[in-house]
Amino acid sequence: MYELKPIDWRKSFYGKATVTKNGDILTLTSYTTKVASYNEATKELKVNGWYSNTTARHIRSFLDFCGLANMTKQEMKAGNYITK
């Protein structure tokens, strides 16, 4: 399990955003909710929901963690995954 680091000016998410790895699957947990997963083998991103502005910040940091460029909600829904 990894504690997700912010990509903005914040120092930390204070343990409220974590990433777990199970095989090729990276899963983002925001607070206690699994909000996104990324399959490193198939390059497939799945976002389960945008619950708050804080969760959106967690998702953006998760994209960076996975090596994906920042993208809009519409781009994520369309499956337009661009690597950095």
C-alpha atoms as a PDB file:
ATOM      1  CA  MET A   1       0.000   0.000   0.000  1.00  0.00           C
ATOM      2  CA  TYR A   2       1.248   3.465  -0.900  1.00  0.00           C
ATOM      3  CA  GLU A   3       0.173   6.793   0.539  1.00  0.00           C
ATOM      4  CA  LEU A   4      -0.722   8.971  -2.423  1.00  0.00           C
ATOM      5  CA  LYS A   5       1.177  12.257  -2.654  1.00  0.00           C
ATOM      6  CA  PRO A   6      -0.445  15.472  -3.916  1.00  0.00           C
ATOM      7  CA  ILE A   7       0.681  16.982  -7.208  1.00  0.00           C
ATOM      8  CA  ASP A   8      -0.268  20.501  -6.146  1.00  0.00           C
ATOM      9  CA  TRP A   9       1.014  22.762  -3.372  1.00  0.00           C
ATOM     10  CA  ARG A  10      -0.308  20.557  -0.567  1.00  0.00           C
ATOM     11  CA  LYS A  11       2.235  18.691   1.522  1.00  0.00           C
ATOM     12  CA  SER A  12       0.149  15.566   2.055  1.00  0.00           C
ATOM     13  CA  PHE A  13      -3.301  14.001   1.883  1.00  0.00           C
ATOM     14  CA  TYR A  14      -2.663  12.880   5.481  1.00  0.00           C
ATOM     15  CA  GLY A  15      -3.395   9.218   4.774  1.00  0.00           C
ATOM     16  CA  LYS A  16      -6.804   9.915   3.250  1.00  0.00           C
ATOM     17  CA  ALA A  17      -5.764   8.686  -0.214  1.00  0.00           C
ATOM     18  CA  THR A  18      -3.972   5.375  -0.682  1.00  0.00           C
ATOM     19  CA  VAL A  19      -3.007   3.172  -3.605  1.00  0.00           C
ATOM     20  CA  THR A  20      -2.910  -0.610  -3.361  1.00  0.00           C
ATOM     21  CA  LYS A  21      -1.448  -2.954  -5.945  1.00  0.00           C
ATOM     22  CA  ASN A  22      -2.796  -6.421  -6.670  1.00  0.00           C
ATOM     23  CA  GLY A  23      -1.011  -7.936  -9.654  1.00  0.00           C
ATOM     24  CA  ASP A  24      -1.354  -5.431 -12.493  1.00  0.00           C
ATOM     25  CA  ILE A  25      -4.223  -3.546 -10.842  1.00  0.00           C
ATOM     26  CA  LEU A  26      -3.620  -0.292  -8.966  1.00  0.00           C
ATOM     27  CA  THR A  27      -6.581   0.826  -6.847  1.00  0.00           C
ATOM     28  CA  LEU A  28      -7.139   4.300  -5.429  1.00  0.00           C
ATOM     29  CA  THR A  29      -8.980   4.487  -2.133  1.00  0.00           C
ATOM     30  CA  SER A  30     -10.133   7.948  -1.088  1.00  0.00           C
ATOM     31  CA  TYR A  31     -11.059   7.983   2.579  1.00  0.00           C
ATOM     32  CA  THR A  32     -12.705   4.511   2.701  1.00  0.00           C
ATOM     33  CA  THR A  33     -14.153   4.419  -0.832  1.00  0.00           C
ATOM     34  CA  LYS A  34     -12.511   2.721  -3.819  1.00  0.00           C
ATOM     35  CA  VAL A  35     -12.839   5.485  -6.399  1.00  0.00           C
ATOM     36  CA  ALA A  36     -10.570   4.395  -9.253  1.00  0.00           C
ATOM     37  CA  SER A  37      -8.466   1.561 -10.591  1.00  0.00           C
ATOM     38  CA  TYR A  38      -5.847   1.274 -13.305  1.00  0.00           C
ATOM     39  CA  ASN A  39      -4.771  -1.932 -15.034  1.00  0.00           C
ATOM     40  CA  GLU A  40      -1.092  -1.561 -15.926  1.00  0.00           C
ATOM     41  CA  ALA A  41      -1.236  -4.476 -18.394  1.00  0.00           C
ATOM     42  CA  THR A  42      -4.238  -3.336 -20.433  1.00  0.00           C
ATOM     43  CA  LYS A  43      -3.798   0.415 -19.712  1.00  0.00           C
ATOM     44  CA  GLU A  44      -7.458   0.612 -18.689  1.00  0.00           C
ATOM     45  CA  LEU A  45      -8.587   3.247 -16.206  1.00  0.00           C
ATOM     46  CA  LYS A  46     -11.878   2.929 -14.358  1.00  0.00           C
ATOM     47  CA  VAL A  47     -13.272   5.742 -12.220  1.00  0.00           C
ATOM     48  CA  ASN A  48     -16.155   4.695  -9.997  1.00  0.00           C
ATOM     49  CA  GLY A  49     -17.299   8.216  -9.204  1.00  0.00           C
ATOM     50  CA  TRP A  50     -16.447  11.825  -8.537  1.00  0.00           C
ATOM     51  CA  TYR A  51     -17.715  12.326  -5.019  1.00  0.00           C
ATOM     52  CA  SER A  52     -16.202  15.658  -4.026  1.00  0.00           C
ATOM     53  CA  ASN A  53     -13.556  18.215  -4.930  1.00  0.00           C
ATOM     54  CA  THR A  54     -11.161  16.390  -2.616  1.00  0.00           C
ATOM     55  CA  THR A  55     -11.809  13.095  -4.388  1.00  0.00           C
ATOM     56  CA  ALA A  56     -11.167  14.837  -7.711  1.00  0.00           C
ATOM     57  CA  ARG A  57      -7.758  15.985  -6.385  1.00  0.00           C
ATOM     58  CA  HIS A  58      -7.050  12.405  -5.310  1.00  0.00           C
ATOM     59  CA  ILE A  59      -7.958  11.148  -8.805  1.00  0.00           C
ATOM     60  CA  ARG A  60      -5.669  13.712 -10.473  1.00  0.00           C
ATOM     61  CA  SER A  61      -2.790  12.620  -8.217  1.00  0.00           C
ATOM     62  CA  PHE A  62      -3.627   8.978  -8.988  1.00  0.00           C
ATOM     63  CA  LEU A  63      -3.353   9.717 -12.724  1.00  0.00           C
ATOM     64  CA  ASP A  64       0.117  11.143 -12.103  1.00  0.00           C
ATOM     65  CA  PHE A  65       1.041   8.116  -9.957  1.00  0.00           C
ATOM     66  CA  CYS A  66      -0.002   5.819 -12.838  1.00  0.00           C
ATOM     67  CA  GLY A  67       2.052   7.807 -15.361  1.00  0.00           C
ATOM     68  CA  LEU A  68      -0.995   9.270 -17.084  1.00  0.00           C
ATOM     69  CA  ALA A  69      -1.392  12.885 -18.088  1.00  0.00           C
ATOM     70  CA  ASN A  70      -3.988  14.986 -16.300  1.00  0.00           C
ATOM     71  CA  MET A  71      -7.332  14.803 -18.095  1.00  0.00           C
ATOM     72  CA  THR A  72     -10.862  16.034 -17.768  1.00  0.00           C
ATOM     73  CA  LYS A  73     -13.763  13.989 -16.504  1.00  0.00           C
ATOM     74  CA  GLN A  74     -15.077  13.761 -20.076  1.00  0.00           C
ATOM     75  CA  GLU A  75     -11.710  12.479 -21.346  1.00  0.00           C
ATOM     76  CA  MET A  76     -11.643   9.819 -18.622  1.00  0.00           C
ATOM     77  CA  LYS A  77     -15.176   8.722 -19.484  1.00  0.00           C
ATOM     78  CA  ALA A  78     -14.250   8.537 -23.186  1.00  0.00           C
ATOM     79  CA  GLY A  79     -11.181   6.414 -22.474  1.00  0.00           C
ATOM     80  CA  ASN A  80      -8.663   8.921 -23.839  1.00  0.00           C
ATOM     81  CA  TYR A  81      -5.699   7.898 -21.709  1.00  0.00           C
ATOM     82  CA  ILE A  82      -2.534   9.770 -22.555  1.00  0.00           C
ATOM     83  CA  THR A  83       0.733   8.800 -20.924  1.00  0.00           C
ATOM     84  CA  LYS A  84       3.144  11.496 -19.809  1.00  0.00           C
END
